PDB file of N, CA and C in Angstrom:
ATOM      1  N   MET A   1       0.854  -1.175   0.000  1.00  0.00           N
ATOM      2  CA  MET A   1       0.000   0.000   0.000  1.00  0.00           C
ATOM      3  C   MET A   1       0.900   1.239   0.000  1.00  0.00           C
ATOM      4  N   ILE A   2       0.565   2.202  -0.821  1.00  0.00           N
ATOM      5  CA  ILE A   2       1.397   3.405  -0.885  1.00  0.00           C
ATOM      6  C   ILE A   2       1.209   4.254   0.365  1.00  0.00           C
ATOM      7  N   VAL A   3       2.161   5.125   0.621  1.00  0.00           N
ATOM      8  CA  VAL A   3       2.172   5.920   1.843  1.00  0.00           C
ATOM      9  C   VAL A   3       0.899   6.748   1.989  1.00  0.00           C
ATOM     10  N   LYS A   4       0.453   7.399   0.915  1.00  0.00           N
ATOM     11  CA  LYS A   4      -0.741   8.244   1.005  1.00  0.00           C
ATOM     12  C   LYS A   4      -1.961   7.434   1.428  1.00  0.00           C
ATOM     13  N   ALA A   5      -2.115   6.240   0.886  1.00  0.00           N
ATOM     14  CA  ALA A   5      -3.253   5.397   1.250  1.00  0.00           C
ATOM     15  C   ALA A   5      -3.169   5.017   2.725  1.00  0.00           C
ATOM     16  N   ARG A   6      -1.960   4.775   3.231  1.00  0.00           N
ATOM     17  CA  ARG A   6      -1.791   4.452   4.652  1.00  0.00           C
ATOM     18  C   ARG A   6      -2.222   5.619   5.533  1.00  0.00           C
ATOM     19  N   VAL A   7      -1.966   6.832   5.065  1.00  0.00           N
ATOM     20  CA  VAL A   7      -2.376   8.011   5.827  1.00  0.00           C
ATOM     21  C   VAL A   7      -3.902   8.066   5.905  1.00  0.00           C
ATOM     22  N   PHE A   8      -4.582   7.801   4.811  1.00  0.00           N
ATOM     23  CA  PHE A   8      -6.046   7.768   4.826  1.00  0.00           C
ATOM     24  C   PHE A   8      -6.543   6.757   5.857  1.00  0.00           C
ATOM     25  N   LEU A   9      -5.953   5.591   5.867  1.00  0.00           N
ATOM     26  CA  LEU A   9      -6.372   4.533   6.781  1.00  0.00           C
ATOM     27  C   LEU A   9      -6.085   4.911   8.235  1.00  0.00           C
ATOM     28  N   ALA A  10      -4.952   5.520   8.489  1.00  0.00           N
ATOM     29  CA  ALA A  10      -4.612   5.940   9.853  1.00  0.00           C
ATOM     30  C   ALA A  10      -5.592   6.989  10.370  1.00  0.00           C
ATOM     31  N   VAL A  11      -5.940   7.930   9.533  1.00  0.00           N
ATOM     32  CA  VAL A  11      -6.899   8.957   9.933  1.00  0.00           C
ATOM     33  C   VAL A  11      -8.274   8.328  10.165  1.00  0.00           C
ATOM     34  N   ALA A  12      -8.700   7.445   9.289  1.00  0.00           N
ATOM     35  CA  ALA A  12     -10.000   6.790   9.438  1.00  0.00           C
ATOM     36  C   ALA A  12     -10.064   5.952  10.702  1.00  0.00           C
ATOM     37  N   ALA A  13      -8.937   5.404  11.129  1.00  0.00           N
ATOM     38  CA  ALA A  13      -8.912   4.585  12.338  1.00  0.00           C
ATOM     39  C   ALA A  13      -9.274   5.390  13.578  1.00  0.00           C
ATOM     40  N   GLU A  14      -9.136   6.699  13.506  1.00  0.00           N
ATOM     41  CA  GLU A  14      -9.478   7.564  14.637  1.00  0.00           C
ATOM     42  C   GLU A  14     -10.979   7.822  14.730  1.00  0.00           C
ATOM     43  N   ALA A  15     -11.716   7.574  13.678  1.00  0.00           N
ATOM     44  CA  ALA A  15     -13.164   7.837  13.666  1.00  0.00           C
ATOM     45  C   ALA A  15     -13.883   6.817  14.539  1.00  0.00           C
ATOM     46  N   ARG A  16     -14.813   7.301  15.316  1.00  0.00           N
ATOM     47  CA  ARG A  16     -15.611   6.419  16.171  1.00  0.00           C
ATOM     48  C   ARG A  16     -17.069   6.386  15.716  1.00  0.00           C
ATOM     49  N   VAL A  17     -17.356   7.155  14.700  1.00  0.00           N
ATOM     50  CA  VAL A  17     -18.702   7.210  14.126  1.00  0.00           C
ATOM     51  C   VAL A  17     -18.560   7.196  12.606  1.00  0.00           C
ATOM     52  N   PRO A  18     -19.624   6.881  11.895  1.00  0.00           N
ATOM     53  CA  PRO A  18     -19.550   6.916  10.422  1.00  0.00           C
ATOM     54  C   PRO A  18     -19.149   8.316   9.948  1.00  0.00           C
ATOM     55  N   PHE A  19     -18.458   8.371   8.816  1.00  0.00           N
ATOM     56  CA  PHE A  19     -18.034   9.661   8.281  1.00  0.00           C
ATOM     57  C   PHE A  19     -18.104   9.656   6.762  1.00  0.00           C
ATOM     58  N   ILE A  20     -18.086  10.864   6.219  1.00  0.00           N
ATOM     59  CA  ILE A  20     -18.079  11.067   4.770  1.00  0.00           C
ATOM     60  C   ILE A  20     -16.880  11.940   4.426  1.00  0.00           C
ATOM     61  N   TYR A  21     -16.544  11.978   3.147  1.00  0.00           N
ATOM     62  CA  TYR A  21     -15.498  12.880   2.677  1.00  0.00           C
ATOM     63  C   TYR A  21     -16.138  14.108   2.046  1.00  0.00           C
ATOM     64  N   LEU A  22     -15.563  15.259   2.337  1.00  0.00           N
ATOM     65  CA  LEU A  22     -16.000  16.524   1.756  1.00  0.00           C
ATOM     66  C   LEU A  22     -15.069  16.888   0.613  1.00  0.00           C
ATOM     67  N   SER A  23     -15.626  17.420  -0.454  1.00  0.00           N
ATOM     68  CA  SER A  23     -14.774  17.782  -1.588  1.00  0.00           C
ATOM     69  C   SER A  23     -13.981  19.057  -1.328  1.00  0.00           C
ATOM     70  N   ALA A  24     -14.464  19.907  -0.446  1.00  0.00           N
ATOM     71  CA  ALA A  24     -13.762  21.139  -0.057  1.00  0.00           C
ATOM     72  C   ALA A  24     -13.402  22.023  -1.250  1.00  0.00           C
ATOM     73  N   GLY A  25     -14.166  21.926  -2.312  1.00  0.00           N
ATOM     74  CA  GLY A  25     -13.962  22.805  -3.452  1.00  0.00           C
ATOM     75  C   GLY A  25     -12.838  22.430  -4.388  1.00  0.00           C
ATOM     76  N   VAL A  26     -12.237  21.254  -4.209  1.00  0.00           N
ATOM     77  CA  VAL A  26     -11.174  20.843  -5.126  1.00  0.00           C
ATOM     78  C   VAL A  26     -11.789  20.446  -6.468  1.00  0.00           C
ATOM     79  N   SER A  27     -10.957  20.255  -7.458  1.00  0.00           N
ATOM     80  CA  SER A  27     -11.441  19.858  -8.778  1.00  0.00           C
ATOM     81  C   SER A  27     -11.982  18.431  -8.736  1.00  0.00           C
ATOM     82  N   GLU A  28     -12.747  18.102  -9.749  1.00  0.00           N
ATOM     83  CA  GLU A  28     -13.307  16.752  -9.859  1.00  0.00           C
ATOM     84  C   GLU A  28     -12.195  15.711  -9.879  1.00  0.00           C
ATOM     85  N   SER A  29     -11.146  15.948 -10.647  1.00  0.00           N
ATOM     86  CA  SER A  29     -10.071  14.958 -10.766  1.00  0.00           C
ATOM     87  C   SER A  29      -9.331  14.754  -9.442  1.00  0.00           C
ATOM     88  N   VAL A  30      -9.091  15.823  -8.695  1.00  0.00           N
ATOM     89  CA  VAL A  30      -8.418  15.706  -7.401  1.00  0.00           C
ATOM     90  C   VAL A  30      -9.309  14.960  -6.408  1.00  0.00           C
ATOM     91  N   PHE A  31     -10.598  15.275  -6.410  1.00  0.00           N
ATOM     92  CA  PHE A  31     -11.524  14.606  -5.488  1.00  0.00           C
ATOM     93  C   PHE A  31     -11.609  13.117  -5.800  1.00  0.00           C
ATOM     94  N   HIS A  32     -11.738  12.775  -7.079  1.00  0.00           N
ATOM     95  CA  HIS A  32     -11.807  11.361  -7.469  1.00  0.00           C
ATOM     96  C   HIS A  32     -10.516  10.627  -7.103  1.00  0.00           C
ATOM     97  N   ALA A  33      -9.372  11.282  -7.292  1.00  0.00           N
ATOM     98  CA  ALA A  33      -8.097  10.661  -6.936  1.00  0.00           C
ATOM     99  C   ALA A  33      -8.010  10.432  -5.431  1.00  0.00           C
ATOM    100  N   SER A  34      -8.498  11.380  -4.646  1.00  0.00           N
ATOM    101  CA  SER A  34      -8.503  11.221  -3.192  1.00  0.00           C
ATOM    102  C   SER A  34      -9.382  10.053  -2.777  1.00  0.00           C
ATOM    103  N   LEU A  35     -10.556   9.953  -3.383  1.00  0.00           N
ATOM    104  CA  LEU A  35     -11.453   8.837  -3.073  1.00  0.00           C
ATOM    105  C   LEU A  35     -10.847   7.506  -3.503  1.00  0.00           C
ATOM    106  N   ALA A  36     -10.129   7.513  -4.624  1.00  0.00           N
ATOM    107  CA  ALA A  36      -9.474   6.286  -5.087  1.00  0.00           C
ATOM    108  C   ALA A  36      -8.434   5.825  -4.062  1.00  0.00           C
ATOM    109  N   LEU A  37      -7.707   6.764  -3.460  1.00  0.00           N
ATOM    110  CA  LEU A  37      -6.750   6.402  -2.411  1.00  0.00           C
ATOM    111  C   LEU A  37      -7.469   5.821  -1.194  1.00  0.00           C
ATOM    112  N   ALA A  38      -8.579   6.437  -0.816  1.00  0.00           N
ATOM    113  CA  ALA A  38      -9.360   5.911   0.309  1.00  0.00           C
ATOM    114  C   ALA A  38      -9.872   4.506  -0.014  1.00  0.00           C
ATOM    115  N   ASN A  39     -10.311   4.312  -1.242  1.00  0.00           N
ATOM    116  CA  ASN A  39     -10.786   2.991  -1.662  1.00  0.00           C
ATOM    117  C   ASN A  39      -9.660   1.966  -1.614  1.00  0.00           C
ATOM    118  N   GLU A  40      -8.491   2.354  -2.106  1.00  0.00           N
ATOM    119  CA  GLU A  40      -7.339   1.453  -2.111  1.00  0.00           C
ATOM    120  C   GLU A  40      -6.978   1.018  -0.695  1.00  0.00           C
ATOM    121  N   ALA A  41      -7.102   1.951   0.255  1.00  0.00           N
ATOM    122  CA  ALA A  41      -6.778   1.650   1.647  1.00  0.00           C
ATOM    123  C   ALA A  41      -7.929   0.940   2.357  1.00  0.00           C
ATOM    124  N   LYS A  42      -9.032   0.748   1.659  1.00  0.00           N
ATOM    125  CA  LYS A  42     -10.221   0.109   2.230  1.00  0.00           C
ATOM    126  C   LYS A  42     -10.754   0.885   3.435  1.00  0.00           C
ATOM    127  N   VAL A  43     -10.742   2.198   3.318  1.00  0.00           N
ATOM    128  CA  VAL A  43     -11.265   3.073   4.365  1.00  0.00           C
ATOM    129  C   VAL A  43     -12.791   2.920   4.386  1.00  0.00           C
ATOM    130  N   PRO A  44     -13.383   2.729   5.558  1.00  0.00           N
ATOM    131  CA  PRO A  44     -14.838   2.527   5.646  1.00  0.00           C
ATOM    132  C   PRO A  44     -15.636   3.833   5.693  1.00  0.00           C
ATOM    133  N   TYR A  45     -15.537   4.630   4.652  1.00  0.00           N
ATOM    134  CA  TYR A  45     -16.294   5.881   4.612  1.00  0.00           C
ATOM    135  C   TYR A  45     -17.706   5.611   4.075  1.00  0.00           C
ATOM    136  N   SER A  46     -18.622   6.508   4.397  1.00  0.00           N
ATOM    137  CA  SER A  46     -20.024   6.259   4.071  1.00  0.00           C
ATOM    138  C   SER A  46     -20.564   7.100   2.924  1.00  0.00           C
ATOM    139  N   GLY A  47     -19.721   7.844   2.273  1.00  0.00           N
ATOM    140  CA  GLY A  47     -20.184   8.636   1.142  1.00  0.00           C
ATOM    141  C   GLY A  47     -19.441   9.942   1.039  1.00  0.00           C
ATOM    142  N   VAL A  48     -20.057  10.883   0.354  1.00  0.00           N
ATOM    143  CA  VAL A  48     -19.412  12.171   0.106  1.00  0.00           C
ATOM    144  C   VAL A  48     -20.417  13.308   0.215  1.00  0.00           C
ATOM    145  N   LEU A  49     -19.880  14.477   0.402  1.00  0.00           N
ATOM    146  CA  LEU A  49     -20.642  15.709   0.295  1.00  0.00           C
ATOM    147  C   LEU A  49     -19.818  16.585  -0.631  1.00  0.00           C
ATOM    148  N   CYS A  50     -20.331  16.814  -1.809  1.00  0.00           N
ATOM    149  CA  CYS A  50     -19.555  17.594  -2.768  1.00  0.00           C
ATOM    150  C   CYS A  50     -20.479  18.448  -3.608  1.00  0.00           C
ATOM    151  N   GLY A  51     -19.978  19.541  -4.021  1.00  0.00           N
ATOM    152  CA  GLY A  51     -20.699  20.448  -4.895  1.00  0.00           C
ATOM    153  C   GLY A  51     -19.779  20.871  -6.020  1.00  0.00           C
ATOM    154  N   ARG A  52     -18.868  21.778  -5.681  1.00  0.00           N
ATOM    155  CA  ARG A  52     -17.985  22.322  -6.709  1.00  0.00           C
ATOM    156  C   ARG A  52     -17.193  21.256  -7.442  1.00  0.00           C
ATOM    157  N   ALA A  53     -16.850  20.174  -6.768  1.00  0.00           N
ATOM    158  CA  ALA A  53     -16.087  19.124  -7.445  1.00  0.00           C
ATOM    159  C   ALA A  53     -16.866  18.523  -8.605  1.00  0.00           C
ATOM    160  N   THR A  54     -18.182  18.642  -8.585  1.00  0.00           N
ATOM    161  CA  THR A  54     -18.983  18.072  -9.671  1.00  0.00           C
ATOM    162  C   THR A  54     -19.505  19.117 -10.651  1.00  0.00           C
ATOM    163  N   TRP A  55     -19.735  20.333 -10.203  1.00  0.00           N
ATOM    164  CA  TRP A  55     -20.370  21.300 -11.112  1.00  0.00           C
ATOM    165  C   TRP A  55     -19.560  22.546 -11.428  1.00  0.00           C
ATOM    166  N   GLN A  56     -18.360  22.698 -10.854  1.00  0.00           N
ATOM    167  CA  GLN A  56     -17.657  23.968 -11.053  1.00  0.00           C
ATOM    168  C   GLN A  56     -17.349  24.271 -12.520  1.00  0.00           C
ATOM    169  N   GLY A  57     -17.231  23.243 -13.360  1.00  0.00           N
ATOM    170  CA  GLY A  57     -17.023  23.479 -14.788  1.00  0.00           C
ATOM    171  C   GLY A  57     -18.208  24.151 -15.463  1.00  0.00           C
ATOM    172  N   GLY A  58     -19.371  24.027 -14.865  1.00  0.00           N
ATOM    173  CA  GLY A  58     -20.569  24.657 -15.411  1.00  0.00           C
ATOM    174  C   GLY A  58     -20.545  26.170 -15.323  1.00  0.00           C
ATOM    175  N   LEU A  59     -19.757  26.705 -14.409  1.00  0.00           N
ATOM    176  CA  LEU A  59     -19.666  28.155 -14.266  1.00  0.00           C
ATOM    177  C   LEU A  59     -19.099  28.795 -15.524  1.00  0.00           C
ATOM    178  N   ALA A  60     -18.049  28.208 -16.082  1.00  0.00           N
ATOM    179  CA  ALA A  60     -17.462  28.744 -17.314  1.00  0.00           C
ATOM    180  C   ALA A  60     -18.470  28.674 -18.459  1.00  0.00           C
ATOM    181  N   ALA A  61     -19.233  27.590 -18.510  1.00  0.00           N
ATOM    182  CA  ALA A  61     -20.258  27.460 -19.551  1.00  0.00           C
ATOM    183  C   ALA A  61     -21.298  28.559 -19.407  1.00  0.00           C
ATOM    184  N   TYR A  62     -21.705  28.848 -18.178  1.00  0.00           N
ATOM    185  CA  TYR A  62     -22.696  29.894 -17.939  1.00  0.00           C
ATOM    186  C   TYR A  62     -22.162  31.268 -18.325  1.00  0.00           C
ATOM    187  N   VAL A  63     -20.926  31.555 -17.931  1.00  0.00           N
ATOM    188  CA  VAL A  63     -20.318  32.855 -18.257  1.00  0.00           C
ATOM    189  C   VAL A  63     -20.206  33.021 -19.769  1.00  0.00           C
ATOM    190  N   ALA A  64     -19.838  31.953 -20.467  1.00  0.00           N
ATOM    191  CA  ALA A  64     -19.641  32.030 -21.911  1.00  0.00           C
ATOM    192  C   ALA A  64     -20.950  32.062 -22.692  1.00  0.00           C
ATOM    193  N   GLY A  65     -21.970  31.332 -22.202  1.00  0.00           N
ATOM    194  CA  GLY A  65     -23.179  31.212 -23.020  1.00  0.00           C
ATOM    195  C   GLY A  65     -24.503  31.362 -22.313  1.00  0.00           C
ATOM    196  N   GLY A  66     -24.476  31.736 -21.047  1.00  0.00           N
ATOM    197  CA  GLY A  66     -25.718  31.972 -20.318  1.00  0.00           C
ATOM    198  C   GLY A  66     -26.420  30.696 -19.876  1.00  0.00           C
ATOM    199  N   LYS A  67     -27.685  30.869 -19.574  1.00  0.00           N
ATOM    200  CA  LYS A  67     -28.504  29.804 -18.995  1.00  0.00           C
ATOM    201  C   LYS A  67     -28.569  28.566 -19.884  1.00  0.00           C
ATOM    202  N   GLU A  68     -28.740  28.769 -21.175  1.00  0.00           N
ATOM    203  CA  GLU A  68     -28.848  27.617 -22.086  1.00  0.00           C
ATOM    204  C   GLU A  68     -27.547  26.819 -22.147  1.00  0.00           C
ATOM    205  N   ALA A  69     -26.416  27.512 -22.134  1.00  0.00           N
ATOM    206  CA  ALA A  69     -25.127  26.822 -22.159  1.00  0.00           C
ATOM    207  C   ALA A  69     -24.919  26.028 -20.873  1.00  0.00           C
ATOM    208  N   LEU A  70     -25.336  26.611 -19.755  1.00  0.00           N
ATOM    209  CA  LEU A  70     -25.232  25.900 -18.484  1.00  0.00           C
ATOM    210  C   LEU A  70     -26.116  24.661 -18.502  1.00  0.00           C
ATOM    211  N   GLN A  71     -27.328  24.797 -18.986  1.00  0.00           N
ATOM    212  CA  GLN A  71     -28.244  23.659 -19.060  1.00  0.00           C
ATOM    213  C   GLN A  71     -27.636  22.531 -19.900  1.00  0.00           C
ATOM    214  N   THR A  72     -27.050  22.877 -21.027  1.00  0.00           N
ATOM    215  CA  THR A  72     -26.403  21.883 -21.889  1.00  0.00           C
ATOM    216  C   THR A  72     -25.227  21.234 -21.165  1.00  0.00           C
ATOM    217  N   TRP A  73     -24.419  22.050 -20.489  1.00  0.00           N
ATOM    218  CA  TRP A  73     -23.279  21.511 -19.746  1.00  0.00           C
ATOM    219  C   TRP A  73     -23.748  20.537 -18.673  1.00  0.00           C
ATOM    220  N   LEU A  74     -24.783  20.917 -17.931  1.00  0.00           N
ATOM    221  CA  LEU A  74     -25.303  20.042 -16.874  1.00  0.00           C
ATOM    222  C   LEU A  74     -25.808  18.719 -17.437  1.00  0.00           C
ATOM    223  N   GLU A  75     -26.511  18.784 -18.567  1.00  0.00           N
ATOM    224  CA  GLU A  75     -27.068  17.565 -19.164  1.00  0.00           C
ATOM    225  C   GLU A  75     -25.981  16.645 -19.710  1.00  0.00           C
ATOM    226  N   LYS A  76     -24.881  17.234 -20.152  1.00  0.00           N
ATOM    227  CA  LYS A  76     -23.803  16.421 -20.734  1.00  0.00           C
ATOM    228  C   LYS A  76     -22.687  16.181 -19.720  1.00  0.00           C
ATOM    229  N   GLN A  77     -21.841  17.157 -19.496  1.00  0.00           N
ATOM    230  CA  GLN A  77     -20.684  16.983 -18.620  1.00  0.00           C
ATOM    231  C   GLN A  77     -21.080  16.825 -17.160  1.00  0.00           C
ATOM    232  N   GLY A  78     -22.047  17.596 -16.703  1.00  0.00           N
ATOM    233  CA  GLY A  78     -22.478  17.488 -15.310  1.00  0.00           C
ATOM    234  C   GLY A  78     -22.973  16.084 -14.987  1.00  0.00           C
ATOM    235  N   ALA A  79     -23.776  15.523 -15.879  1.00  0.00           N
ATOM    236  CA  ALA A  79     -24.267  14.159 -15.682  1.00  0.00           C
ATOM    237  C   ALA A  79     -23.112  13.157 -15.700  1.00  0.00           C
ATOM    238  N   LYS A  80     -22.147  13.356 -16.600  1.00  0.00           N
ATOM    239  CA  LYS A  80     -20.977  12.468 -16.642  1.00  0.00           C
ATOM    240  C   LYS A  80     -20.189  12.541 -15.334  1.00  0.00           C
ATOM    241  N   ASN A  81     -20.069  13.746 -14.783  1.00  0.00           N
ATOM    242  CA  ASN A  81     -19.337  13.913 -13.525  1.00  0.00           C
ATOM    243  C   ASN A  81     -19.999  13.124 -12.397  1.00  0.00           C
ATOM    244  N   ILE A  82     -21.312  13.187 -12.321  1.00  0.00           N
ATOM    245  CA  ILE A  82     -22.039  12.456 -11.276  1.00  0.00           C
ATOM    246  C   ILE A  82     -21.916  10.950 -11.497  1.00  0.00           C
ATOM    247  N   GLU A  83     -22.020  10.519 -12.739  1.00  0.00           N
ATOM    248  CA  GLU A  83     -21.880   9.083 -13.034  1.00  0.00           C
ATOM    249  C   GLU A  83     -20.485   8.586 -12.661  1.00  0.00           C
ATOM    250  N   ALA A  84     -19.452   9.369 -12.962  1.00  0.00           N
ATOM    251  CA  ALA A  84     -18.082   8.984 -12.614  1.00  0.00           C
ATOM    252  C   ALA A  84     -17.906   8.935 -11.097  1.00  0.00           C
ATOM    253  N   LEU A  85     -18.496   9.889 -10.392  1.00  0.00           N
ATOM    254  CA  LEU A  85     -18.429   9.889  -8.933  1.00  0.00           C
ATOM    255  C   LEU A  85     -19.130   8.655  -8.370  1.00  0.00           C
ATOM    256  N   ASN A  86     -20.289   8.318  -8.911  1.00  0.00           N
ATOM    257  CA  ASN A  86     -21.005   7.128  -8.453  1.00  0.00           C
ATOM    258  C   ASN A  86     -20.167   5.863  -8.643  1.00  0.00           C
ATOM    259  N   GLU A  87     -19.431   5.783  -9.736  1.00  0.00           N
ATOM    260  CA  GLU A  87     -18.567   4.624  -9.970  1.00  0.00           C
ATOM    261  C   GLU A  87     -17.483   4.523  -8.899  1.00  0.00           C
ATOM    262  N   VAL A  88     -16.880   5.656  -8.557  1.00  0.00           N
ATOM    263  CA  VAL A  88     -15.848   5.660  -7.515  1.00  0.00           C
ATOM    264  C   VAL A  88     -16.464   5.255  -6.177  1.00  0.00           C
ATOM    265  N   LEU A  89     -17.641   5.767  -5.873  1.00  0.00           N
ATOM    266  CA  LEU A  89     -18.295   5.436  -4.607  1.00  0.00           C
ATOM    267  C   LEU A  89     -18.661   3.957  -4.529  1.00  0.00           C
ATOM    268  N   GLN A  90     -19.076   3.391  -5.627  1.00  0.00           N
ATOM    269  CA  GLN A  90     -19.433   1.969  -5.638  1.00  0.00           C
ATOM    270  C   GLN A  90     -18.223   1.085  -5.340  1.00  0.00           C
ATOM    271  N   GLN A  91     -17.043   1.595  -5.578  1.00  0.00           N
ATOM    272  CA  GLN A  91     -15.823   0.827  -5.328  1.00  0.00           C
ATOM    273  C   GLN A  91     -15.369   0.895  -3.874  1.00  0.00           C
ATOM    274  N   GLY A  92     -15.968   1.801  -3.071  1.00  0.00           N
ATOM    275  CA  GLY A  92     -15.456   1.924  -1.710  1.00  0.00           C
ATOM    276  C   GLY A  92     -16.417   2.351  -0.628  1.00  0.00           C
ATOM    277  N   ALA A  93     -17.365   3.201  -0.931  1.00  0.00           N
ATOM    278  CA  ALA A  93     -18.265   3.692   0.115  1.00  0.00           C
ATOM    279  C   ALA A  93     -19.089   2.541   0.681  1.00  0.00           C
ATOM    280  N   GLN A  94     -19.350   2.629   1.975  1.00  0.00           N
ATOM    281  CA  GLN A  94     -20.090   1.581   2.666  1.00  0.00           C
ATOM    282  C   GLN A  94     -21.256   2.186   3.429  1.00  0.00           C
ATOM    283  N   PRO A  95     -22.299   1.406   3.666  1.00  0.00           N
ATOM    284  CA  PRO A  95     -23.408   1.923   4.476  1.00  0.00           C
ATOM    285  C   PRO A  95     -22.916   2.357   5.859  1.00  0.00           C
ATOM    286  N   TRP A  96     -23.500   3.404   6.394  1.00  0.00           N
ATOM    287  CA  TRP A  96     -23.057   3.947   7.679  1.00  0.00           C
ATOM    288  C   TRP A  96     -23.156   2.927   8.802  1.00  0.00           C
ATOM    289  N   TRP A  97     -24.075   2.018   8.710  1.00  0.00           N
ATOM    290  CA  TRP A  97     -24.272   1.067   9.809  1.00  0.00           C
ATOM    291  C   TRP A  97     -23.176  -0.003   9.875  1.00  0.00           C
ATOM    292  N   ASN A  98     -22.363  -0.122   8.850  1.00  0.00           N
ATOM    293  CA  ASN A  98     -21.273  -1.107   8.886  1.00  0.00           C
ATOM    294  C   ASN A  98     -20.311  -0.862  10.049  1.00  0.00           C
ATOM    295  N   ILE A  99     -20.112   0.403  10.405  1.00  0.00           N
ATOM    296  CA  ILE A  99     -19.178   0.706  11.501  1.00  0.00           C
ATOM    297  C   ILE A  99     -19.683   0.146  12.827  1.00  0.00           C
ATOM    298  N   TYR A 100     -20.986  -0.120  12.901  1.00  0.00           N
ATOM    299  CA  TYR A 100     -21.579  -0.681  14.118  1.00  0.00           C
ATOM    300  C   TYR A 100     -21.792  -2.188  14.022  1.00  0.00           C
ATOM    301  N   GLY A 101     -21.232  -2.804  13.005  1.00  0.00           N
ATOM    302  CA  GLY A 101     -21.342  -4.247  12.877  1.00  0.00           C
ATOM    303  C   GLY A 101     -22.466  -4.721  11.986  1.00  0.00           C
ATOM    304  N   GLY A 102     -23.140  -3.826  11.308  1.00  0.00           N
ATOM    305  CA  GLY A 102     -24.206  -4.197  10.380  1.00  0.00           C
ATOM    306  C   GLY A 102     -25.550  -3.640  10.795  1.00  0.00           C
ATOM    307  N   ARG A 103     -26.444  -3.632   9.846  1.00  0.00           N
ATOM    308  CA  ARG A 103     -27.771  -3.043  10.060  1.00  0.00           C
ATOM    309  C   ARG A 103     -28.535  -3.740  11.187  1.00  0.00           C
ATOM    310  N   ASP A 104     -28.366  -5.054  11.299  1.00  0.00           N
ATOM    311  CA  ASP A 104     -29.108  -5.792  12.321  1.00  0.00           C
ATOM    312  C   ASP A 104     -28.577  -5.523  13.730  1.00  0.00           C
ATOM    313  N   GLN A 105     -27.473  -4.804  13.849  1.00  0.00           N
ATOM    314  CA  GLN A 105     -26.922  -4.456  15.157  1.00  0.00           C
ATOM    315  C   GLN A 105     -27.406  -3.085  15.649  1.00  0.00           C
ATOM    316  N   ILE A 106     -28.196  -2.405  14.833  1.00  0.00           N
ATOM    317  CA  ILE A 106     -28.686  -1.077  15.199  1.00  0.00           C
ATOM    318  C   ILE A 106     -29.965  -1.234  16.021  1.00  0.00           C
ATOM    319  N   GLU A 107     -29.970  -0.638  17.187  1.00  0.00           N
ATOM    320  CA  GLU A 107     -31.155  -0.664  18.044  1.00  0.00           C
ATOM    321  C   GLU A 107     -31.808   0.717  18.012  1.00  0.00           C
ATOM    322  N   ILE A 108     -33.067   0.739  17.718  1.00  0.00           N
ATOM    323  CA  ILE A 108     -33.801   2.003  17.694  1.00  0.00           C
ATOM    324  C   ILE A 108     -34.398   2.212  19.080  1.00  0.00           C
ATOM    325  N   VAL A 109     -34.067   3.340  19.668  1.00  0.00           N
ATOM    326  CA  VAL A 109     -34.534   3.660  21.010  1.00  0.00           C
ATOM    327  C   VAL A 109     -35.463   4.850  20.913  1.00  0.00           C
ATOM    328  N   GLU A 110     -36.664   4.671  21.401  1.00  0.00           N
ATOM    329  CA  GLU A 110     -37.611   5.785  21.391  1.00  0.00           C
ATOM    330  C   GLU A 110     -37.334   6.689  22.586  1.00  0.00           C
ATOM    331  N   ARG A 111     -37.457   7.976  22.355  1.00  0.00           N
ATOM    332  CA  ARG A 111     -37.342   8.915  23.458  1.00  0.00           C
ATOM    333  C   ARG A 111     -38.325  10.035  23.259  1.00  0.00           C
ATOM    334  N   GLN A 112     -38.545  10.765  24.310  1.00  0.00           N
ATOM    335  CA  GLN A 112     -39.523  11.831  24.255  1.00  0.00           C
ATOM    336  C   GLN A 112     -39.072  12.922  23.295  1.00  0.00           C
ATOM    337  N   ALA A 113     -40.046  13.563  22.697  1.00  0.00           N
ATOM    338  CA  ALA A 113     -39.748  14.678  21.813  1.00  0.00           C
ATOM    339  C   ALA A 113     -39.183  15.835  22.619  1.00  0.00           C
ATOM    340  N   LEU A 114     -38.362  16.620  21.973  1.00  0.00           N
ATOM    341  CA  LEU A 114     -37.832  17.811  22.622  1.00  0.00           C
ATOM    342  C   LEU A 114     -38.967  18.789  22.886  1.00  0.00           C
ATOM    343  N   PRO A 115     -38.853  19.563  23.939  1.00  0.00           N
ATOM    344  CA  PRO A 115     -39.912  20.539  24.218  1.00  0.00           C
ATOM    345  C   PRO A 115     -39.947  21.619  23.145  1.00  0.00           C
ATOM    346  N   SER A 116     -41.116  22.198  22.962  1.00  0.00           N
ATOM    347  CA  SER A 116     -41.229  23.281  21.989  1.00  0.00           C
ATOM    348  C   SER A 116     -40.440  24.484  22.486  1.00  0.00           C
ATOM    349  N   SER A 117     -40.195  25.443  21.605  1.00  0.00           N
ATOM    350  CA  SER A 117     -39.363  26.598  21.957  1.00  0.00           C
ATOM    351  C   SER A 117     -39.948  27.394  23.113  1.00  0.00           C
ATOM    352  N   GLU A 118     -41.265  27.369  23.293  1.00  0.00           N
ATOM    353  CA  GLU A 118     -41.856  28.143  24.389  1.00  0.00           C
ATOM    354  C   GLU A 118     -41.590  27.509  25.755  1.00  0.00           C
ATOM    355  N   HIS A 119     -41.151  26.246  25.770  1.00  0.00           N
ATOM    356  CA  HIS A 119     -40.874  25.573  27.030  1.00  0.00           C
ATOM    357  C   HIS A 119     -39.377  25.427  27.293  1.00  0.00           C
ATOM    358  N   ARG A 120     -38.544  25.931  26.413  1.00  0.00           N
ATOM    359  CA  ARG A 120     -37.103  25.814  26.590  1.00  0.00           C
ATOM    360  C   ARG A 120     -36.601  26.901  27.528  1.00  0.00           C
ATOM    361  N   PRO A 121     -35.556  26.597  28.261  1.00  0.00           N
ATOM    362  CA  PRO A 121     -34.957  27.643  29.110  1.00  0.00           C
ATOM    363  C   PRO A 121     -34.423  28.788  28.263  1.00  0.00           C
ATOM    364  N   ASP A 122     -34.258  29.927  28.877  1.00  0.00           N
ATOM    365  CA  ASP A 122     -33.789  31.122  28.169  1.00  0.00           C
ATOM    366  C   ASP A 122     -32.394  30.959  27.580  1.00  0.00           C
ATOM    367  N   TYR A 123     -31.558  30.114  28.152  1.00  0.00           N
ATOM    368  CA  TYR A 123     -30.190  29.989  27.684  1.00  0.00           C
ATOM    369  C   TYR A 123     -30.066  29.146  26.416  1.00  0.00           C
ATOM    370  N   CYS A 124     -31.128  28.558  25.921  1.00  0.00           N
ATOM    371  CA  CYS A 124     -31.063  27.748  24.688  1.00  0.00           C
ATOM    372  C   CYS A 124     -31.127  28.629  23.467  1.00  0.00           C
TER     373      CYS A 124
END
């Protein structure tokens, strides 16, 4: 395993709850490469939260050609970006409940609803 992948695994080992990766505004190619490293290290992440990594190329299309150009970009390149991201996720992302030993290990505990705002203390 390459050094970078080991770093991903070491950081993930510190997690005590399910986690996702954030794109943090990097390019699509950098984000996909980062996820590929996490996949290689078999990091048990549960998905992603990304925006700019998938659609930032649409901004140039909008500036150059307006709303119609953006719509075309979204239908073509934007859709390809999401499909490529889904392929990367299928290679590594896992359901959040895996960190707890599987879905059948999750216990649902009922508790009382929180009080309405009129019944909360002033310091809330």
